[in-house]
Structure formats: structure tokens, C-alpha cells
């Protein structure tokens, strides 16, 4: 049936049909109703008040990467290659060690809290570390979860 001006006028003047909303509209309403509760609960758990001066005196991760690591005898051991953050909040430093005569560098992971950040000299100290001790550490290999497009 062709649409004439008279018919178009009648279609436009037709009152809104009352009835049940479409299933899609109902589904969207349920999803939107449920989301705010999830987000507000998740945000309120992890918020902690920090002293911004304490944070400002810290070290950005990029400034620590490739910093030289020495032991307490001031012998060069290697450099920080990367940081790994575990799901439970622990931080590990991936060190590039070795590169001694005849051997190429290899990666080992140590807990970040075992490193001492020294302001004087610009080195990072790994107390008690020796070449023999580092040779006994297992080689760290990146897996599919820690690989990124930048590596």
C-alpha cells in the first residue's frame, strides 16, 4: 500500500503503543542495574590514602631499568632488565647477569625487596651476591603471559 500524505499523518499521530518492553530493552536495563554495584564495591576496597611526598621520593621503574647491580664488595654483577609483578602483589627484578669472559648474559629473577637502592654512587646493591651464587640461580624465561609486543 503506497504511503500518502494522509496515511503518513495518521501514522505519525498514532499514540504510542503500550505494552511489554522488548526483551533487548529489558536485558540492557538488567545489565545497567547490576554494573554500578560491582564497580563501586571494587573501587572502595583498594583505595588507600598515600603521602604524596613519600611517593615523590621514590624511583620510577624506568629509571631503575638498566641500572648497574653490584654486591656488597662493590663488584659489578649485572643490570636490571625488567620487573615482574605477581598476582599476589610481590615484585621481582629480572637481572641480566653474567656476560663474564666467554659467557653471554643470562636472566635471573630475584625478589625486589632483596635489592638495596643506594643514592650515593648510583648503583643498586644485591647484598651477599657472588658470581658463584648467581650461577646457581635458575635461568628466568619469559612465558606467554609475561611476553609483550615490546620484547
Foldseek 3Di string as FASTA:
>chain_A
DDDDPVNVVVVVPDDDDDDDDDPVVVVVVVVVVPPVVVVVVVVVPPDDDDDVVVVVPDDDPVLQFQAWEAEPVRHTFFGFHDWDADPVGWIKTWTFGDPDPPDGTFTAIDGPVQWAQDPPPRHIYRYPDDPVVVVPGDTDDDDPVRDDPVD
